[in-house]
Protein backbone atom coordinates (compact mmCIF):
# COMPACT_ATOMS: atom_id res chain seq x y z
CA MET A 1 -28.89 -43.97 -14.31
CA SER A 2 -29.82 -44.51 -18.46
CA LEU A 3 -27.73 -47.79 -20.30
CA VAL A 4 -27.93 -46.38 -23.89
CA VAL A 5 -26.65 -48.93 -26.03
CA ALA A 6 -26.40 -48.50 -30.34
CA ALA A 7 -27.57 -51.23 -32.94
CA TYR A 8 -26.96 -52.21 -35.79
CA ASN A 9 -28.23 -55.94 -36.67
CA GLU A 10 -26.97 -57.18 -33.99
CA ALA A 11 -29.38 -60.55 -33.48
CA SER A 12 -26.81 -62.82 -32.69
CA CYS A 13 -26.01 -60.76 -29.23
CA ILE A 14 -28.34 -58.45 -29.16
CA GLN A 15 -30.21 -61.14 -26.53
CA GLN A 16 -27.14 -61.78 -24.25
CA LYS A 17 -26.95 -58.21 -24.04
CA LEU A 18 -30.01 -57.14 -22.34
CA GLU A 19 -29.78 -60.44 -19.89
CA ASN A 20 -26.16 -58.44 -19.53
CA SER A 21 -27.35 -55.51 -18.89
CA LEU A 22 -30.48 -56.65 -16.41
CA ALA A 23 -28.79 -58.80 -13.83
CA LEU A 24 -25.79 -54.87 -13.95
CA ARG A 25 -25.87 -54.10 -10.20
CA TYR A 26 -27.88 -50.55 -10.01
CA PRO A 27 -31.43 -49.76 -8.08
CA ALA A 28 -33.77 -51.56 -10.09
CA GLU A 29 -36.03 -48.03 -9.90
CA LYS A 30 -33.30 -45.74 -11.21
CA PHE A 31 -31.85 -48.13 -14.31
CA GLU A 32 -32.65 -48.25 -17.99
CA VAL A 33 -31.73 -49.42 -21.00
CA LEU A 34 -32.62 -47.78 -24.26
CA ILE A 35 -31.38 -50.31 -27.54
CA GLY A 36 -31.26 -47.42 -30.24
CA SER A 37 -31.46 -48.89 -32.92
CA ASP A 38 -30.21 -47.53 -36.66
CA GLY A 39 -32.61 -49.52 -39.25
CA SER A 40 -31.59 -53.42 -38.13
CA SER A 41 -33.23 -55.08 -40.39
CA ASP A 42 -32.36 -58.72 -39.14
CA GLY A 43 -34.95 -59.32 -36.15
CA THR A 44 -32.81 -57.83 -33.42
CA ASP A 45 -35.41 -54.94 -33.08
CA ASP A 46 -37.71 -58.11 -32.72
CA ILE A 47 -35.94 -59.45 -29.83
CA VAL A 48 -35.50 -56.13 -27.82
CA ARG A 49 -39.55 -55.71 -27.61
CA ALA A 50 -40.19 -59.01 -27.29
CA CYS A 51 -38.56 -58.48 -24.22
CA PRO A 52 -40.56 -58.65 -21.26
CA ASP A 53 -39.37 -56.08 -18.38
CA ALA A 54 -40.32 -52.83 -18.74
CA ARG A 55 -37.01 -51.31 -18.09
CA VAL A 56 -36.16 -52.29 -21.38
CA ARG A 57 -37.03 -49.41 -24.27
CA LEU A 58 -36.76 -49.28 -27.86
CA SER A 59 -36.22 -46.48 -30.47
CA PRO A 60 -35.47 -47.42 -33.93
CA ALA A 61 -35.31 -45.46 -36.75
CA PRO A 62 -33.98 -45.55 -40.18
CA ARG A 63 -30.32 -45.99 -41.14
CA ALA A 64 -28.52 -43.04 -40.49
CA GLY A 65 -24.96 -43.87 -38.17
CA LYS A 66 -24.49 -44.60 -35.03
CA THR A 67 -23.70 -40.55 -33.98
CA THR A 68 -27.77 -39.83 -34.89
CA VAL A 69 -28.24 -43.04 -32.97
CA LEU A 70 -26.99 -40.77 -30.29
CA ASN A 71 -28.24 -38.05 -31.19
CA ARG A 72 -31.62 -39.19 -30.74
CA CYS A 73 -31.21 -41.55 -27.86
CA ILE A 74 -29.47 -38.92 -25.32
CA PRO A 75 -32.22 -36.79 -24.57
CA MET A 76 -34.14 -38.72 -24.24
CA ALA A 77 -32.64 -41.13 -21.65
CA LYS A 78 -34.30 -40.79 -18.09
CA GLY A 79 -31.70 -40.71 -15.82
CA ASP A 80 -28.90 -38.12 -15.16
CA ILE A 81 -25.85 -40.12 -15.72
CA VAL A 82 -26.04 -42.35 -19.92
CA VAL A 83 -23.89 -45.10 -19.51
CA LEU A 84 -22.90 -45.67 -23.13
CA SER A 85 -22.03 -49.26 -24.57
CA ASP A 86 -22.15 -51.69 -28.23
CA ALA A 87 -23.93 -54.24 -28.09
CA ASN A 88 -20.94 -57.01 -28.18
CA THR A 89 -19.51 -55.94 -25.23
CA MET A 90 -20.30 -58.19 -21.60
CA ILE A 91 -20.63 -56.21 -18.28
CA GLU A 92 -19.60 -56.54 -15.19
CA PRO A 93 -22.45 -56.42 -12.59
CA GLU A 94 -20.77 -54.13 -10.23
CA ALA A 95 -19.41 -51.65 -13.02
CA ILE A 96 -22.71 -49.28 -12.83
CA GLU A 97 -22.02 -48.14 -9.49
CA ARG A 98 -18.47 -48.44 -9.79
CA LEU A 99 -18.68 -45.63 -13.01
CA VAL A 100 -21.48 -43.58 -11.61
CA ARG A 101 -19.60 -42.95 -7.74
CA HIS A 102 -17.54 -40.57 -9.61
CA PHE A 103 -20.46 -38.16 -10.45
CA GLU A 104 -20.45 -37.47 -6.68
CA ASP A 105 -17.49 -34.81 -7.69
CA PRO A 106 -19.25 -32.40 -9.57
CA GLU A 107 -16.15 -31.77 -11.81
CA VAL A 108 -16.86 -34.93 -12.69
CA GLY A 109 -17.89 -35.06 -16.47
CA ALA A 110 -17.55 -38.46 -17.34
CA VAL A 111 -15.95 -41.59 -16.88
CA CYS A 112 -13.66 -44.14 -18.94
CA GLY A 113 -14.13 -47.57 -17.32
CA LYS A 114 -11.53 -50.40 -18.20
CA LEU A 115 -12.41 -52.75 -21.79
CA ARG A 116 -10.51 -55.81 -21.92
CA LEU A 117 -10.00 -57.57 -24.89
CA TYR A 118 -10.14 -61.36 -25.51
CA ASN A 119 -9.73 -64.10 -28.33
CA PRO A 120 -11.12 -66.86 -28.27
CA THR A 121 -9.03 -68.87 -30.09
CA LYS A 122 -6.05 -67.22 -28.69
CA GLN A 123 -4.05 -66.70 -25.24
CA ASP A 124 -2.22 -63.95 -26.86
CA TYR A 125 -2.44 -62.00 -29.56
CA GLU A 126 -1.49 -59.05 -31.23
CA GLU A 127 -3.77 -56.28 -29.92
CA SER A 128 -2.98 -57.49 -26.41
CA ALA A 129 0.35 -55.31 -25.79
CA TYR A 130 -0.80 -52.30 -27.82
CA TRP A 131 -4.03 -52.28 -25.51
CA ASN A 132 -1.81 -52.67 -22.51
CA TYR A 133 -0.37 -49.59 -23.10
CA GLU A 134 -3.25 -47.82 -24.15
CA SER A 135 -5.51 -48.87 -20.50
CA LEU A 136 -1.60 -47.42 -18.91
CA ILE A 137 -1.78 -43.98 -20.30
CA LYS A 138 -5.32 -44.33 -19.62
CA MET A 139 -4.75 -44.74 -16.35
CA TYR A 140 -2.48 -41.46 -15.40
CA GLU A 141 -4.58 -39.47 -17.69
CA GLY A 142 -6.80 -39.77 -16.04
CA ARG A 143 -5.23 -39.51 -12.43
CA ARG A 144 -4.90 -35.87 -14.01
CA GLY A 145 -8.77 -35.47 -15.22
CA ALA A 146 -8.04 -35.66 -18.51
CA VAL A 147 -8.43 -39.22 -20.23
CA VAL A 148 -8.15 -38.53 -23.83
CA GLY A 149 -11.28 -40.83 -25.39
CA ALA A 150 -12.87 -43.17 -24.15
CA ASN A 151 -14.13 -47.08 -24.90
CA GLY A 152 -16.62 -46.81 -26.49
CA GLY A 153 -17.76 -50.29 -24.71
CA LEU A 154 -18.67 -48.70 -21.32
CA TYR A 155 -17.87 -44.88 -20.29
CA ALA A 156 -20.50 -42.73 -19.10
CA ILE A 157 -21.18 -39.10 -18.81
CA ARG A 158 -23.48 -36.54 -17.68
CA ARG A 159 -26.52 -36.18 -19.22
CA THR A 160 -26.90 -32.45 -19.54
CA LEU A 161 -23.20 -32.05 -20.32
CA PHE A 162 -23.43 -33.74 -23.89
CA THR A 163 -24.05 -31.18 -27.00
CA GLY A 164 -25.60 -32.78 -30.74
CA LEU A 165 -22.54 -34.12 -33.16
CA PRO A 166 -22.52 -33.12 -36.47
CA PRO A 167 -24.06 -36.39 -38.64
CA SER A 168 -20.55 -37.35 -39.89
CA THR A 169 -19.07 -37.43 -37.21
CA ILE A 170 -17.09 -41.30 -37.34
CA VAL A 171 -15.85 -41.04 -33.58
CA ASP A 172 -17.98 -40.11 -31.29
CA ASP A 173 -16.47 -42.25 -28.64
CA PHE A 174 -13.35 -39.78 -28.93
CA VAL A 175 -15.40 -36.55 -29.78
CA ILE A 176 -17.85 -36.49 -26.90
CA PRO A 177 -15.66 -37.06 -23.77
CA LEU A 178 -13.36 -34.52 -26.06
CA ARG A 179 -16.27 -32.30 -25.08
CA ILE A 180 -16.50 -32.38 -22.30
CA LEU A 181 -12.63 -31.84 -21.21
CA GLU A 182 -12.65 -28.84 -23.18
CA LYS A 183 -16.22 -27.54 -21.32
CA GLY A 184 -13.25 -27.92 -17.81
CA TYR A 185 -14.69 -31.04 -17.18
CA LYS A 186 -13.00 -33.81 -15.56
CA VAL A 187 -13.00 -36.97 -17.70
CA VAL A 188 -11.37 -39.82 -15.48
CA TYR A 189 -10.29 -43.68 -15.70
CA GLU A 190 -12.50 -46.34 -13.29
CA GLU A 191 -10.16 -49.43 -13.76
CA THR A 192 -12.48 -51.51 -11.55
CA ALA A 193 -15.49 -50.79 -13.76
CA VAL A 194 -14.54 -53.69 -16.59
CA ALA A 195 -16.37 -54.88 -19.49
CA HIS A 196 -15.59 -57.50 -22.30
CA GLU A 197 -15.30 -57.45 -25.65
CA GLU A 198 -14.20 -60.14 -28.59
CA THR A 199 -10.84 -59.16 -30.85
CA THR A 200 -11.55 -60.79 -34.60
CA GLU A 201 -9.67 -63.19 -36.25
CA ASP A 202 -10.02 -61.19 -39.68
CA TYR A 203 -6.93 -58.21 -39.61
CA GLY A 204 -8.68 -56.67 -43.62
CA LYS A 205 -11.14 -56.24 -41.19
CA GLU A 206 -9.66 -55.01 -38.47
CA PHE A 207 -7.28 -52.65 -40.33
CA GLY A 208 -10.48 -51.33 -42.57
CA ARG A 209 -12.20 -50.59 -38.44
CA ARG A 210 -8.58 -48.78 -37.78
CA ALA A 211 -8.72 -47.41 -40.87
CA ARG A 212 -11.95 -45.35 -40.22
CA ILE A 213 -10.60 -45.11 -36.96
CA ALA A 214 -7.86 -42.55 -38.03
CA ALA A 215 -10.04 -40.62 -40.25
CA GLY A 216 -12.57 -39.92 -37.19
CA ASN A 217 -9.40 -38.91 -35.53
CA PHE A 218 -8.53 -36.21 -37.69
CA GLN A 219 -12.09 -35.25 -38.33
CA SER A 220 -12.65 -33.93 -34.47
CA LEU A 221 -9.20 -32.51 -34.92
CA ARG A 222 -11.89 -29.15 -35.47
CA MET A 223 -14.36 -29.98 -33.28
CA VAL A 224 -12.12 -29.13 -30.58
CA PRO A 225 -10.31 -26.50 -31.72
CA GLY A 226 -9.77 -25.45 -28.26
CA LEU A 227 -8.18 -28.20 -26.71
CA LEU A 228 -5.46 -28.39 -29.34
CA LEU A 229 -3.99 -24.77 -27.96
CA PRO A 230 -1.85 -24.35 -24.69
CA THR A 231 -3.93 -21.95 -22.67
CA ALA A 232 -6.00 -25.69 -21.53
CA GLY A 233 -2.62 -26.81 -19.62
CA PHE A 234 -2.31 -30.60 -19.26
CA PRO A 235 -5.35 -31.91 -21.36
CA ALA A 236 -3.58 -30.34 -24.09
CA PHE A 237 -0.90 -31.58 -23.30
CA ALA A 238 -2.06 -34.87 -23.43
CA PHE A 239 -3.56 -34.33 -26.09
CA TRP A 240 -0.50 -33.34 -28.11
CA SER A 241 1.39 -35.91 -27.14
CA HIS A 242 -1.02 -38.61 -26.81
CA LYS A 243 -2.54 -38.73 -30.02
CA LEU A 244 -1.22 -36.02 -32.23
CA LEU A 245 2.14 -38.01 -31.95
CA ARG A 246 1.19 -40.89 -32.61
CA TRP A 247 -1.34 -40.10 -35.59
CA CYS A 248 2.03 -38.19 -37.10
CA ALA A 249 4.02 -41.54 -36.33
CA PRO A 250 3.79 -43.07 -39.66
CA ALA A 251 5.72 -39.62 -41.35
CA LEU A 252 7.95 -39.78 -38.91
CA MET A 253 8.46 -44.07 -39.69
CA GLY A 254 9.20 -43.02 -42.93
CA LEU A 255 11.05 -40.05 -42.18
CA ALA A 256 13.63 -41.68 -40.61
CA LEU A 257 13.53 -44.31 -42.86
CA VAL A 258 14.95 -41.87 -45.89
CA ALA A 259 16.90 -39.15 -42.98
CA ASN A 260 19.04 -42.94 -42.14
CA VAL A 261 19.99 -43.89 -46.09
CA PHE A 262 22.05 -40.73 -46.26
CA LEU A 263 23.74 -41.60 -42.67
CA LEU A 264 25.30 -44.17 -43.42
CA ASP A 265 29.28 -42.59 -43.22
CA SER A 266 29.01 -43.31 -39.67
CA MET A 267 28.92 -47.13 -38.70
CA PHE A 268 26.35 -45.81 -36.03
CA TYR A 269 23.73 -45.50 -38.64
CA ARG A 270 24.86 -48.59 -40.10
CA PHE A 271 23.75 -50.59 -37.29
CA THR A 272 20.34 -48.03 -37.22
CA LEU A 273 19.57 -48.69 -40.87
CA PHE A 274 19.92 -52.65 -39.88
CA GLY A 275 18.40 -52.66 -37.51
CA GLN A 276 15.45 -51.06 -39.11
CA ALA A 277 15.00 -53.38 -42.02
CA LEU A 278 15.51 -56.25 -39.74
CA PHE A 279 11.95 -54.56 -38.08
CA TYR A 280 10.33 -54.26 -41.56
CA SER A 281 11.11 -57.92 -42.91
CA LEU A 282 9.63 -59.69 -39.32
CA ALA A 283 6.38 -57.35 -40.20
CA TYR A 284 6.82 -59.27 -43.36
CA LEU A 285 7.08 -62.51 -42.26
CA GLY A 286 4.29 -62.75 -39.59
CA LYS A 287 2.40 -61.33 -42.49
CA LEU A 288 3.12 -63.67 -44.30
CA GLY A 289 2.78 -66.69 -41.00
CA VAL A 290 5.91 -68.94 -41.82
CA LEU A 291 6.67 -68.24 -38.49
CA LYS A 292 4.65 -70.94 -36.86
CA ARG A 293 6.05 -70.55 -33.12
CA GLY A 294 7.95 -69.91 -30.31
CA SER A 295 9.46 -65.78 -29.33
CA ALA A 296 9.89 -64.89 -33.02
CA LYS A 297 6.55 -66.05 -34.06
CA ARG A 298 5.27 -63.68 -31.62
CA VAL A 299 7.70 -61.06 -31.67
CA ALA A 300 7.45 -61.05 -35.84
CA SER A 301 3.36 -60.47 -35.20
CA VAL A 302 3.22 -57.51 -33.30
CA ALA A 303 5.75 -55.73 -35.73
CA TYR A 304 3.30 -56.75 -38.14
CA TYR A 305 0.20 -55.56 -36.46
CA PHE A 306 2.65 -52.18 -35.71
CA VAL A 307 3.20 -51.94 -39.45
CA THR A 308 -0.53 -52.11 -40.43
CA MET A 309 -2.23 -50.01 -38.21
CA ASN A 310 0.00 -47.17 -39.81
CA LEU A 311 -0.35 -47.89 -43.27
CA ALA A 312 -4.48 -47.80 -41.39
CA ILE A 313 -3.36 -43.83 -40.25
CA VAL A 314 -2.16 -43.50 -43.00
CA VAL A 315 -4.98 -44.17 -44.90
CA GLY A 316 -7.25 -42.52 -42.64
CA PHE A 317 -5.35 -39.59 -43.44
CA TRP A 318 -6.50 -39.92 -47.53
CA ARG A 319 -10.01 -40.79 -46.39
CA PHE A 320 -10.37 -37.68 -44.00
CA LEU A 321 -8.68 -35.34 -46.95
CA ARG A 322 -10.20 -36.49 -49.09
CA ASN A 323 -14.11 -37.16 -46.99
CA THR A 324 -14.63 -40.62 -48.20
CA GLN A 325 -15.16 -42.25 -45.29
CA ARG A 326 -18.98 -42.16 -44.51
CA ALA A 327 -19.85 -41.94 -40.87
CA ALA A 328 -22.06 -44.87 -40.34
CA TRP A 329 -20.34 -48.17 -39.34
CA ASP A 330 -20.37 -51.84 -40.14
CA ARG A 331 -20.51 -54.17 -37.43
CA THR A 332 -17.51 -56.34 -36.98
CA ALA A 333 -17.83 -60.30 -37.07
CA ARG A 334 -17.34 -61.97 -34.36
CA ALA A 335 -16.33 -65.77 -34.34
């Protein structure tokens, strides 16, 4: 088994990542850690080179984007199973064994682990509700062997099923599992294989990250055309219901608001317009941060998060249309 990590300027966490990786419960003689450095200039490469454990390998190259790192590192991995993870994601010791056991079934091509997000300053935060809902969907999709996209922090694939991605690919952790699903293999979910990742307090950068992901999601449509067809069966249903309809949410929200304005001759529609106005007002209060505590603050924060993340889809779609979203990623600052 090979653990592959794409890293760009991760000096602040790469030592912790190496220690975490080498502490994973897996036979030492069948395990390696392959760090693909994407032109790091902050000392990341030196930290990896200084690691005395022979199971750690470094593959440095000039900056070209995460997809180029994976295209280089996955084929050179020694393991039949490749586990992909991020430098700032810490994996629980038994998680790898729990992922890999699913590959005893020859029909399984990829396994997605469970990513738990945490905020060092807030016990409850806006993204938690969304992420819990997303994890629940993955669990049910996994029971049908059709998880639509993986968590980039922790997922495993059969090395032989990986095909090189176009260097311009933006969301590799979405496209790689979809391509495996398109080939007819199962993509399952293992909720007991857990990894932990810190969220960011910088909502501007989080908005940029979401817009980048949205642009990549629209880009992916031409990479997996087979999953758009009804002949793909349940995977096509999962793709349309879980992803494509969600990407249409901003347009549907705008349509609902405009249509509601022309239906005010009914008390029901006056009530629904009031509900929409109240929701967007709460989102604005969430942006201002004027509510300091209690349930009202939480509701306003969730409304603001929901609205801004759908605005990020609009921005991402615009970038996709103009082909202005670059593939190379910038690490998100953590606390």
